[in-house]
Amino acid sequence: MNLKLWNNKVNKFNKPVVVEFWAKWCGPCKMMAPGLEQVRGEFRGKVDLIKIDADSEPNLMRELKVYSIPTILIYHQGTLIARKTGAMGIDQLRNLFIMAEVGQKSTIGMKSTDRIIRVSVGAVFIAAAFLTEFTIPFLILGGIVLFSAVYDRCPIWKFVSGRIVSVFRRIAPKLNNE
């Protein structure tokens, strides 16, 4: 399938569309599958889900600039409104389906200027580590600041943090009842 055929297909849907690029051999895809199916059921009749095997559509992936899997594209009225890469927990998936349903463009993520500032500050701390006697503390601090500049793009971090949030949301009502 090429980009022109793909755009025609997406424009024919009457409902918003969530597209998942996945593969049989992809571990994060397998971890995400049960949550994706659950959310699909919750939004049945409101949002369509298309699952595309990355191994069978490499040309489409290249044309859509999908470079890793799992990747989810969200279309509303034929327009791409969001793109998320990496494994996600059920709450994150539910938020993506809500975005699709209402047509909300993605505002999640860090701005480029914030990312550049964090990288710069992290580099300054690491440079200071070599110029002062506080080598270890400045290296650790620089590493933490550098990680904070890229953590929102790390698929493992996204999945783990999503799971942690889900656990806390489940136990918080129990704690309030005690």
N, C-alpha and C. Protein backbone atom coordinates (compact mmCIF):
# COMPACT_ATOMS: atom_id res chain seq x y z
N MET A 1 0.85 -1.18 0.00
CA MET A 1 0.00 0.00 0.00
C MET A 1 0.89 1.24 0.00
N ASN A 2 0.52 2.23 -0.80
CA ASN A 2 1.30 3.47 -0.82
C ASN A 2 0.54 4.57 -0.07
N LEU A 3 1.18 5.72 0.06
CA LEU A 3 0.62 6.82 0.85
C LEU A 3 -0.71 7.31 0.29
N LYS A 4 -0.84 7.37 -1.03
CA LYS A 4 -2.08 7.84 -1.64
C LYS A 4 -3.24 6.90 -1.31
N LEU A 5 -3.02 5.60 -1.46
CA LEU A 5 -4.06 4.62 -1.11
C LEU A 5 -4.39 4.69 0.37
N TRP A 6 -3.36 4.85 1.20
CA TRP A 6 -3.56 4.95 2.64
C TRP A 6 -4.43 6.14 2.99
N ASN A 7 -4.12 7.31 2.44
CA ASN A 7 -4.91 8.51 2.72
C ASN A 7 -6.35 8.35 2.27
N ASN A 8 -6.56 7.70 1.12
CA ASN A 8 -7.93 7.44 0.66
C ASN A 8 -8.67 6.54 1.65
N LYS A 9 -7.99 5.52 2.14
CA LYS A 9 -8.60 4.59 3.09
C LYS A 9 -8.97 5.30 4.39
N VAL A 10 -8.06 6.10 4.93
CA VAL A 10 -8.31 6.80 6.19
C VAL A 10 -9.45 7.80 6.03
N ASN A 11 -9.51 8.48 4.89
CA ASN A 11 -10.56 9.47 4.67
C ASN A 11 -11.95 8.86 4.53
N LYS A 12 -12.03 7.56 4.25
CA LYS A 12 -13.32 6.88 4.09
C LYS A 12 -13.98 6.53 5.42
N PHE A 13 -13.21 6.55 6.50
CA PHE A 13 -13.78 6.21 7.79
C PHE A 13 -14.67 7.33 8.29
N ASN A 14 -15.85 6.97 8.79
CA ASN A 14 -16.77 7.97 9.35
C ASN A 14 -16.40 8.33 10.78
N LYS A 15 -15.64 7.45 11.41
CA LYS A 15 -15.26 7.65 12.81
C LYS A 15 -13.77 7.95 12.89
N PRO A 16 -13.33 8.45 14.04
CA PRO A 16 -11.89 8.61 14.25
C PRO A 16 -11.20 7.25 14.17
N VAL A 17 -9.91 7.27 13.82
CA VAL A 17 -9.17 6.03 13.62
C VAL A 17 -7.88 6.06 14.43
N VAL A 18 -7.65 4.96 15.16
CA VAL A 18 -6.38 4.74 15.85
C VAL A 18 -5.69 3.63 15.07
N VAL A 19 -4.46 3.89 14.63
CA VAL A 19 -3.71 2.93 13.83
C VAL A 19 -2.50 2.47 14.63
N GLU A 20 -2.36 1.15 14.78
CA GLU A 20 -1.20 0.61 15.47
C GLU A 20 -0.32 -0.13 14.47
N PHE A 21 0.96 0.25 14.42
CA PHE A 21 1.96 -0.50 13.66
C PHE A 21 2.62 -1.44 14.66
N TRP A 22 2.60 -2.74 14.37
CA TRP A 22 3.08 -3.76 15.29
C TRP A 22 3.76 -4.88 14.49
N ALA A 23 4.32 -5.84 15.22
CA ALA A 23 4.89 -7.03 14.58
C ALA A 23 4.76 -8.20 15.55
N LYS A 24 4.70 -9.41 15.00
CA LYS A 24 4.55 -10.62 15.82
C LYS A 24 5.72 -10.81 16.77
N TRP A 25 6.91 -10.39 16.36
CA TRP A 25 8.13 -10.61 17.13
C TRP A 25 8.39 -9.48 18.13
N CYS A 26 7.57 -8.45 18.16
CA CYS A 26 7.81 -7.25 18.98
C CYS A 26 7.31 -7.46 20.41
N GLY A 27 8.24 -7.51 21.37
CA GLY A 27 7.89 -7.68 22.78
C GLY A 27 6.99 -6.59 23.33
N PRO A 28 7.33 -5.30 23.14
CA PRO A 28 6.44 -4.23 23.64
C PRO A 28 5.05 -4.29 23.00
N CYS A 29 4.97 -4.71 21.74
CA CYS A 29 3.65 -4.85 21.09
C CYS A 29 2.82 -5.90 21.80
N LYS A 30 3.46 -7.02 22.15
CA LYS A 30 2.76 -8.10 22.85
C LYS A 30 2.31 -7.66 24.23
N MET A 31 3.14 -6.88 24.93
CA MET A 31 2.77 -6.39 26.26
C MET A 31 1.58 -5.44 26.18
N MET A 32 1.51 -4.66 25.13
CA MET A 32 0.48 -3.65 24.99
C MET A 32 -0.84 -4.21 24.45
N ALA A 33 -0.80 -5.37 23.79
CA ALA A 33 -1.96 -5.91 23.09
C ALA A 33 -3.21 -6.09 23.97
N PRO A 34 -3.11 -6.68 25.17
CA PRO A 34 -4.33 -6.84 25.97
C PRO A 34 -4.99 -5.51 26.33
N GLY A 35 -4.18 -4.52 26.70
CA GLY A 35 -4.73 -3.21 27.03
C GLY A 35 -5.37 -2.54 25.83
N LEU A 36 -4.74 -2.69 24.67
CA LEU A 36 -5.26 -2.11 23.44
C LEU A 36 -6.61 -2.74 23.09
N GLU A 37 -6.73 -4.05 23.24
CA GLU A 37 -7.99 -4.72 22.96
C GLU A 37 -9.08 -4.31 23.94
N GLN A 38 -8.70 -4.12 25.20
CA GLN A 38 -9.68 -3.68 26.20
C GLN A 38 -10.21 -2.29 25.86
N VAL A 39 -9.30 -1.38 25.54
CA VAL A 39 -9.71 -0.01 25.21
C VAL A 39 -10.51 0.00 23.91
N ARG A 40 -10.11 -0.84 22.96
CA ARG A 40 -10.87 -0.96 21.71
C ARG A 40 -12.33 -1.31 22.01
N GLY A 41 -12.54 -2.25 22.94
CA GLY A 41 -13.89 -2.63 23.32
C GLY A 41 -14.65 -1.49 23.98
N GLU A 42 -13.97 -0.71 24.81
CA GLU A 42 -14.61 0.42 25.48
C GLU A 42 -15.07 1.50 24.49
N PHE A 43 -14.35 1.61 23.37
CA PHE A 43 -14.66 2.67 22.39
C PHE A 43 -15.33 2.12 21.14
N ARG A 44 -15.83 0.87 21.21
CA ARG A 44 -16.49 0.26 20.05
C ARG A 44 -17.65 1.13 19.60
N GLY A 45 -17.70 1.41 18.32
CA GLY A 45 -18.75 2.25 17.77
C GLY A 45 -18.39 3.73 17.76
N LYS A 46 -17.34 4.12 18.49
CA LYS A 46 -16.93 5.52 18.54
C LYS A 46 -15.61 5.76 17.83
N VAL A 47 -14.66 4.81 17.98
CA VAL A 47 -13.32 4.94 17.40
C VAL A 47 -12.95 3.59 16.78
N ASP A 48 -12.47 3.62 15.55
CA ASP A 48 -12.01 2.39 14.89
C ASP A 48 -10.53 2.18 15.16
N LEU A 49 -10.14 0.91 15.24
CA LEU A 49 -8.73 0.54 15.40
C LEU A 49 -8.29 -0.26 14.18
N ILE A 50 -7.18 0.16 13.59
CA ILE A 50 -6.57 -0.57 12.48
C ILE A 50 -5.21 -1.03 12.96
N LYS A 51 -4.97 -2.32 12.86
CA LYS A 51 -3.67 -2.88 13.25
C LYS A 51 -2.94 -3.25 11.96
N ILE A 52 -1.74 -2.70 11.79
CA ILE A 52 -0.95 -2.94 10.58
C ILE A 52 0.33 -3.66 10.96
N ASP A 53 0.52 -4.83 10.37
CA ASP A 53 1.73 -5.62 10.58
C ASP A 53 2.88 -4.91 9.87
N ALA A 54 3.84 -4.46 10.63
CA ALA A 54 4.97 -3.69 10.09
C ALA A 54 5.76 -4.49 9.07
N ASP A 55 5.84 -5.80 9.26
CA ASP A 55 6.61 -6.63 8.33
C ASP A 55 5.95 -6.74 6.96
N SER A 56 4.63 -6.58 6.91
CA SER A 56 3.95 -6.70 5.62
C SER A 56 3.76 -5.35 4.91
N GLU A 57 4.02 -4.25 5.59
CA GLU A 57 3.83 -2.92 4.98
C GLU A 57 5.04 -2.00 5.19
N PRO A 58 6.26 -2.43 4.82
CA PRO A 58 7.43 -1.58 5.04
C PRO A 58 7.40 -0.28 4.23
N ASN A 59 6.82 -0.31 3.04
CA ASN A 59 6.77 0.91 2.22
C ASN A 59 5.85 1.96 2.84
N LEU A 60 4.70 1.50 3.35
CA LEU A 60 3.79 2.44 4.01
C LEU A 60 4.44 3.03 5.26
N MET A 61 5.13 2.19 6.02
CA MET A 61 5.82 2.70 7.21
C MET A 61 6.83 3.77 6.84
N ARG A 62 7.59 3.53 5.79
CA ARG A 62 8.60 4.49 5.36
C ARG A 62 7.93 5.80 4.93
N GLU A 63 6.84 5.70 4.18
CA GLU A 63 6.16 6.91 3.70
C GLU A 63 5.50 7.69 4.83
N LEU A 64 5.03 6.97 5.87
CA LEU A 64 4.42 7.65 7.02
C LEU A 64 5.44 8.03 8.09
N LYS A 65 6.72 7.72 7.81
CA LYS A 65 7.82 8.02 8.73
C LYS A 65 7.64 7.32 10.08
N VAL A 66 7.25 6.05 10.01
CA VAL A 66 7.16 5.21 11.20
C VAL A 66 8.45 4.42 11.23
N TYR A 67 9.31 4.74 12.21
CA TYR A 67 10.65 4.16 12.25
C TYR A 67 10.83 3.10 13.33
N SER A 68 9.87 2.99 14.25
CA SER A 68 9.97 1.95 15.27
C SER A 68 8.56 1.50 15.64
N ILE A 69 8.51 0.34 16.29
CA ILE A 69 7.22 -0.19 16.69
C ILE A 69 7.27 -0.56 18.17
N PRO A 70 6.16 -0.51 18.85
CA PRO A 70 4.85 -0.09 18.36
C PRO A 70 4.78 1.43 18.16
N THR A 71 4.09 1.82 17.13
CA THR A 71 3.78 3.23 16.88
C THR A 71 2.28 3.33 16.67
N ILE A 72 1.68 4.33 17.28
CA ILE A 72 0.25 4.57 17.12
C ILE A 72 0.06 5.93 16.48
N LEU A 73 -0.75 5.94 15.40
CA LEU A 73 -1.13 7.17 14.73
C LEU A 73 -2.62 7.38 14.99
N ILE A 74 -3.00 8.63 15.24
CA ILE A 74 -4.40 8.95 15.51
C ILE A 74 -4.90 9.90 14.44
N TYR A 75 -5.99 9.51 13.79
CA TYR A 75 -6.61 10.31 12.74
C TYR A 75 -8.01 10.73 13.18
N HIS A 76 -8.32 11.99 12.94
CA HIS A 76 -9.67 12.51 13.19
C HIS A 76 -10.09 13.24 11.93
N GLN A 77 -11.19 12.82 11.35
CA GLN A 77 -11.70 13.39 10.08
C GLN A 77 -10.61 13.38 9.01
N GLY A 78 -9.86 12.30 8.95
CA GLY A 78 -8.85 12.11 7.91
C GLY A 78 -7.53 12.83 8.14
N THR A 79 -7.41 13.57 9.26
CA THR A 79 -6.19 14.33 9.56
C THR A 79 -5.43 13.67 10.70
N LEU A 80 -4.13 13.52 10.52
CA LEU A 80 -3.29 12.98 11.58
C LEU A 80 -3.19 14.01 12.70
N ILE A 81 -3.63 13.63 13.92
CA ILE A 81 -3.60 14.58 15.03
C ILE A 81 -2.59 14.20 16.10
N ALA A 82 -2.12 12.95 16.10
CA ALA A 82 -1.14 12.55 17.10
C ALA A 82 -0.38 11.32 16.64
N ARG A 83 0.83 11.19 17.19
CA ARG A 83 1.71 10.04 16.91
C ARG A 83 2.43 9.72 18.20
N LYS A 84 2.35 8.46 18.61
CA LYS A 84 3.01 8.02 19.83
C LYS A 84 3.79 6.75 19.52
N THR A 85 5.01 6.68 20.02
CA THR A 85 5.86 5.52 19.79
C THR A 85 6.23 4.89 21.12
N GLY A 86 6.25 3.58 21.14
CA GLY A 86 6.64 2.85 22.34
C GLY A 86 5.45 2.24 23.05
N ALA A 87 5.76 1.29 23.92
CA ALA A 87 4.71 0.61 24.69
C ALA A 87 4.03 1.59 25.63
N MET A 88 2.73 1.41 25.79
CA MET A 88 1.95 2.28 26.66
C MET A 88 1.06 1.44 27.55
N GLY A 89 0.78 1.96 28.72
CA GLY A 89 -0.14 1.31 29.63
C GLY A 89 -1.57 1.61 29.21
N ILE A 90 -2.50 0.95 29.88
CA ILE A 90 -3.91 1.06 29.50
C ILE A 90 -4.44 2.49 29.66
N ASP A 91 -3.99 3.21 30.68
CA ASP A 91 -4.46 4.59 30.85
C ASP A 91 -3.98 5.49 29.72
N GLN A 92 -2.75 5.29 29.29
CA GLN A 92 -2.23 6.07 28.17
C GLN A 92 -2.99 5.74 26.89
N LEU A 93 -3.27 4.47 26.67
CA LEU A 93 -4.04 4.07 25.49
C LEU A 93 -5.44 4.66 25.52
N ARG A 94 -6.07 4.62 26.69
CA ARG A 94 -7.41 5.19 26.83
C ARG A 94 -7.38 6.68 26.49
N ASN A 95 -6.35 7.39 26.96
CA ASN A 95 -6.23 8.82 26.64
C ASN A 95 -6.09 9.05 25.14
N LEU A 96 -5.37 8.17 24.45
CA LEU A 96 -5.23 8.30 23.00
C LEU A 96 -6.57 8.11 22.29
N PHE A 97 -7.37 7.15 22.75
CA PHE A 97 -8.68 6.93 22.15
C PHE A 97 -9.60 8.12 22.42
N ILE A 98 -9.48 8.70 23.61
CA ILE A 98 -10.28 9.90 23.93
C ILE A 98 -9.87 11.04 23.00
N MET A 99 -8.56 11.22 22.81
CA MET A 99 -8.07 12.26 21.89
C MET A 99 -8.65 12.04 20.50
N ALA A 100 -8.66 10.78 20.05
CA ALA A 100 -9.21 10.48 18.72
C ALA A 100 -10.68 10.82 18.65
N GLU A 101 -11.41 10.44 19.68
CA GLU A 101 -12.86 10.64 19.68
C GLU A 101 -13.23 12.13 19.61
N VAL A 102 -12.53 12.95 20.37
CA VAL A 102 -12.87 14.38 20.41
C VAL A 102 -12.08 15.22 19.40
N GLY A 103 -11.07 14.61 18.78
CA GLY A 103 -10.28 15.34 17.79
C GLY A 103 -9.26 16.28 18.39
N GLN A 104 -8.84 15.99 19.62
CA GLN A 104 -7.86 16.84 20.31
C GLN A 104 -6.46 16.54 19.81
N LYS A 105 -5.78 17.57 19.34
CA LYS A 105 -4.39 17.39 18.91
C LYS A 105 -3.51 17.18 20.12
N SER A 106 -2.45 16.43 19.91
CA SER A 106 -1.55 16.08 21.01
C SER A 106 -0.77 17.30 21.48
N THR A 107 -0.86 17.53 22.78
CA THR A 107 -0.03 18.57 23.40
C THR A 107 0.88 17.93 24.43
N ILE A 108 0.87 16.58 24.46
CA ILE A 108 1.69 15.85 25.41
C ILE A 108 3.13 15.88 24.95
N GLY A 109 4.02 16.01 25.88
CA GLY A 109 5.43 15.99 25.53
C GLY A 109 6.10 17.31 25.84
N MET A 110 7.38 17.30 25.74
CA MET A 110 8.18 18.44 26.09
C MET A 110 8.42 19.31 24.85
N LYS A 111 8.43 20.61 25.04
CA LYS A 111 8.75 21.52 23.93
C LYS A 111 10.23 21.42 23.60
N SER A 112 10.58 21.69 22.36
CA SER A 112 11.98 21.61 21.93
C SER A 112 12.87 22.54 22.73
N THR A 113 12.38 23.73 23.06
CA THR A 113 13.21 24.67 23.82
C THR A 113 13.50 24.13 25.22
N ASP A 114 12.49 23.50 25.84
CA ASP A 114 12.72 22.90 27.16
C ASP A 114 13.76 21.78 27.07
N ARG A 115 13.66 20.99 26.03
CA ARG A 115 14.60 19.88 25.83
C ARG A 115 16.03 20.42 25.66
N ILE A 116 16.20 21.46 24.86
CA ILE A 116 17.51 22.06 24.61
C ILE A 116 18.09 22.65 25.90
N ILE A 117 17.24 23.30 26.68
CA ILE A 117 17.71 23.88 27.95
C ILE A 117 18.19 22.77 28.88
N ARG A 118 17.44 21.69 28.98
CA ARG A 118 17.84 20.59 29.87
C ARG A 118 19.14 19.93 29.41
N VAL A 119 19.29 19.73 28.11
CA VAL A 119 20.53 19.15 27.60
C VAL A 119 21.70 20.08 27.91
N SER A 120 21.49 21.38 27.72
CA SER A 120 22.56 22.35 27.99
C SER A 120 22.94 22.36 29.47
N VAL A 121 21.95 22.38 30.35
CA VAL A 121 22.24 22.39 31.79
C VAL A 121 22.93 21.10 32.20
N GLY A 122 22.49 19.97 31.67
CA GLY A 122 23.15 18.70 31.97
C GLY A 122 24.60 18.70 31.52
N ALA A 123 24.85 19.25 30.34
CA ALA A 123 26.22 19.33 29.82
C ALA A 123 27.08 20.23 30.70
N VAL A 124 26.52 21.33 31.20
CA VAL A 124 27.25 22.23 32.09
C VAL A 124 27.64 21.50 33.38
N PHE A 125 26.70 20.74 33.95
CA PHE A 125 27.02 19.98 35.18
C PHE A 125 28.12 18.95 34.92
N ILE A 126 28.05 18.28 33.79
CA ILE A 126 29.09 17.28 33.48
C ILE A 126 30.44 17.96 33.26
N ALA A 127 30.45 19.10 32.58
CA ALA A 127 31.70 19.84 32.40
C ALA A 127 32.24 20.30 33.76
N ALA A 128 31.35 20.76 34.63
CA ALA A 128 31.77 21.21 35.97
C ALA A 128 32.36 20.06 36.77
N ALA A 129 31.88 18.85 36.50
CA ALA A 129 32.42 17.69 37.22
C ALA A 129 33.91 17.51 36.94
N PHE A 130 34.33 17.82 35.74
CA PHE A 130 35.74 17.66 35.39
C PHE A 130 36.59 18.87 35.76
N LEU A 131 35.93 19.98 36.07
CA LEU A 131 36.66 21.20 36.40
C LEU A 131 36.70 21.50 37.89
N THR A 132 35.97 20.74 38.68
CA THR A 132 35.94 20.98 40.13
C THR A 132 36.27 19.69 40.88
N GLU A 133 36.29 19.82 42.18
CA GLU A 133 36.57 18.64 43.00
C GLU A 133 35.30 17.86 43.34
N PHE A 134 34.15 18.33 42.87
CA PHE A 134 32.87 17.66 43.13
C PHE A 134 32.49 16.76 41.95
N THR A 135 33.39 15.94 41.51
CA THR A 135 33.22 15.14 40.29
C THR A 135 31.98 14.25 40.34
N ILE A 136 31.87 13.40 41.33
CA ILE A 136 30.77 12.43 41.40
C ILE A 136 29.40 13.11 41.51
N PRO A 137 29.22 14.08 42.46
CA PRO A 137 27.90 14.71 42.54
C PRO A 137 27.50 15.43 41.25
N PHE A 138 28.44 16.14 40.62
CA PHE A 138 28.11 16.84 39.38
C PHE A 138 27.83 15.87 38.24
N LEU A 139 28.55 14.75 38.17
CA LEU A 139 28.26 13.74 37.14
C LEU A 139 26.87 13.15 37.33
N ILE A 140 26.53 12.85 38.56
CA ILE A 140 25.20 12.29 38.84
C ILE A 140 24.12 13.31 38.49
N LEU A 141 24.29 14.54 38.93
CA LEU A 141 23.32 15.59 38.66
C LEU A 141 23.20 15.84 37.15
N GLY A 142 24.33 15.89 36.45
CA GLY A 142 24.31 16.08 35.00
C GLY A 142 23.60 14.94 34.30
N GLY A 143 23.85 13.70 34.76
CA GLY A 143 23.17 12.54 34.17
C GLY A 143 21.67 12.59 34.37
N ILE A 144 21.25 12.99 35.57
CA ILE A 144 19.81 13.09 35.85
C ILE A 144 19.16 14.15 34.96
N VAL A 145 19.80 15.32 34.85
CA VAL A 145 19.23 16.39 34.03
C VAL A 145 19.19 15.97 32.56
N LEU A 146 20.24 15.32 32.07
CA LEU A 146 20.23 14.83 30.69
C LEU A 146 19.13 13.81 30.47
N PHE A 147 18.96 12.89 31.41
CA PHE A 147 17.89 11.89 31.28
C PHE A 147 16.53 12.57 31.24
N SER A 148 16.34 13.62 32.05
CA SER A 148 15.05 14.31 32.06
C SER A 148 14.75 14.98 30.72
N ALA A 149 15.78 15.22 29.91
CA ALA A 149 15.56 15.81 28.59
C ALA A 149 15.05 14.80 27.58
N VAL A 150 15.26 13.51 27.84
CA VAL A 150 14.85 12.50 26.86
C VAL A 150 13.88 11.46 27.42
N TYR A 151 13.58 11.49 28.71
CA TYR A 151 12.78 10.42 29.31
C TYR A 151 11.41 10.27 28.67
N ASP A 152 10.79 11.35 28.20
CA ASP A 152 9.46 11.25 27.62
C ASP A 152 9.46 10.54 26.27
N ARG A 153 10.64 10.29 25.69
CA ARG A 153 10.73 9.56 24.43
C ARG A 153 11.16 8.11 24.64
N CYS A 154 11.51 7.76 25.84
CA CYS A 154 11.99 6.41 26.13
C CYS A 154 10.78 5.47 26.25
N PRO A 155 10.64 4.49 25.35
CA PRO A 155 9.47 3.61 25.39
C PRO A 155 9.39 2.78 26.66
N ILE A 156 10.52 2.37 27.21
CA ILE A 156 10.51 1.58 28.44
C ILE A 156 10.01 2.45 29.59
N TRP A 157 10.51 3.69 29.67
CA TRP A 157 10.06 4.62 30.71
C TRP A 157 8.57 4.88 30.60
N LYS A 158 8.06 5.07 29.38
CA LYS A 158 6.64 5.32 29.19
C LYS A 158 5.81 4.17 29.72
N PHE A 159 6.21 2.96 29.38
CA PHE A 159 5.45 1.79 29.79
C PHE A 159 5.49 1.62 31.30
N VAL A 160 6.68 1.70 31.88
CA VAL A 160 6.83 1.51 33.33
C VAL A 160 6.09 2.60 34.09
N SER A 161 6.24 3.85 33.69
CA SER A 161 5.56 4.94 34.41
C SER A 161 4.05 4.81 34.28
N GLY A 162 3.56 4.37 33.12
CA GLY A 162 2.13 4.16 32.95
C GLY A 162 1.59 3.07 33.87
N ARG A 163 2.37 2.00 34.04
CA ARG A 163 1.98 0.91 34.93
C ARG A 163 1.96 1.40 36.39
N ILE A 164 2.96 2.18 36.78
CA ILE A 164 3.02 2.70 38.15
C ILE A 164 1.81 3.58 38.45
N VAL A 165 1.47 4.45 37.51
CA VAL A 165 0.31 5.33 37.68
C VAL A 165 -0.97 4.49 37.81
N SER A 166 -1.10 3.44 37.01
CA SER A 166 -2.28 2.57 37.08
C SER A 166 -2.40 1.91 38.45
N VAL A 167 -1.29 1.43 38.97
CA VAL A 167 -1.30 0.78 40.29
C VAL A 167 -1.73 1.77 41.36
N PHE A 168 -1.17 2.98 41.34
CA PHE A 168 -1.53 3.97 42.34
C PHE A 168 -2.99 4.39 42.23
N ARG A 169 -3.51 4.45 41.03
CA ARG A 169 -4.92 4.81 40.87
C ARG A 169 -5.83 3.72 41.42
N ARG A 170 -5.38 2.46 41.33
CA ARG A 170 -6.19 1.36 41.88
C ARG A 170 -6.14 1.32 43.40
N ILE A 171 -4.97 1.61 43.97
CA ILE A 171 -4.87 1.49 45.44
C ILE A 171 -5.29 2.77 46.16
N ALA A 172 -5.30 3.91 45.49
CA ALA A 172 -5.67 5.16 46.16
C ALA A 172 -7.09 5.11 46.73
N PRO A 173 -8.11 4.63 45.99
CA PRO A 173 -9.45 4.56 46.60
C PRO A 173 -9.49 3.63 47.81
N LYS A 174 -8.72 2.56 47.78
CA LYS A 174 -8.68 1.63 48.92
C LYS A 174 -8.08 2.31 50.15
N LEU A 175 -7.06 3.14 49.94
CA LEU A 175 -6.44 3.85 51.05
C LEU A 175 -7.39 4.87 51.66
N ASN A 176 -8.20 5.52 50.81
CA ASN A 176 -9.15 6.52 51.30
C ASN A 176 -10.28 5.89 52.11
N ASN A 177 -10.61 4.63 51.82
CA ASN A 177 -11.70 3.95 52.53
C ASN A 177 -11.29 3.42 53.88
N GLU A 178 -10.00 3.34 54.16
CA GLU A 178 -9.54 2.78 55.44
C GLU A 178 -9.64 3.76 56.56
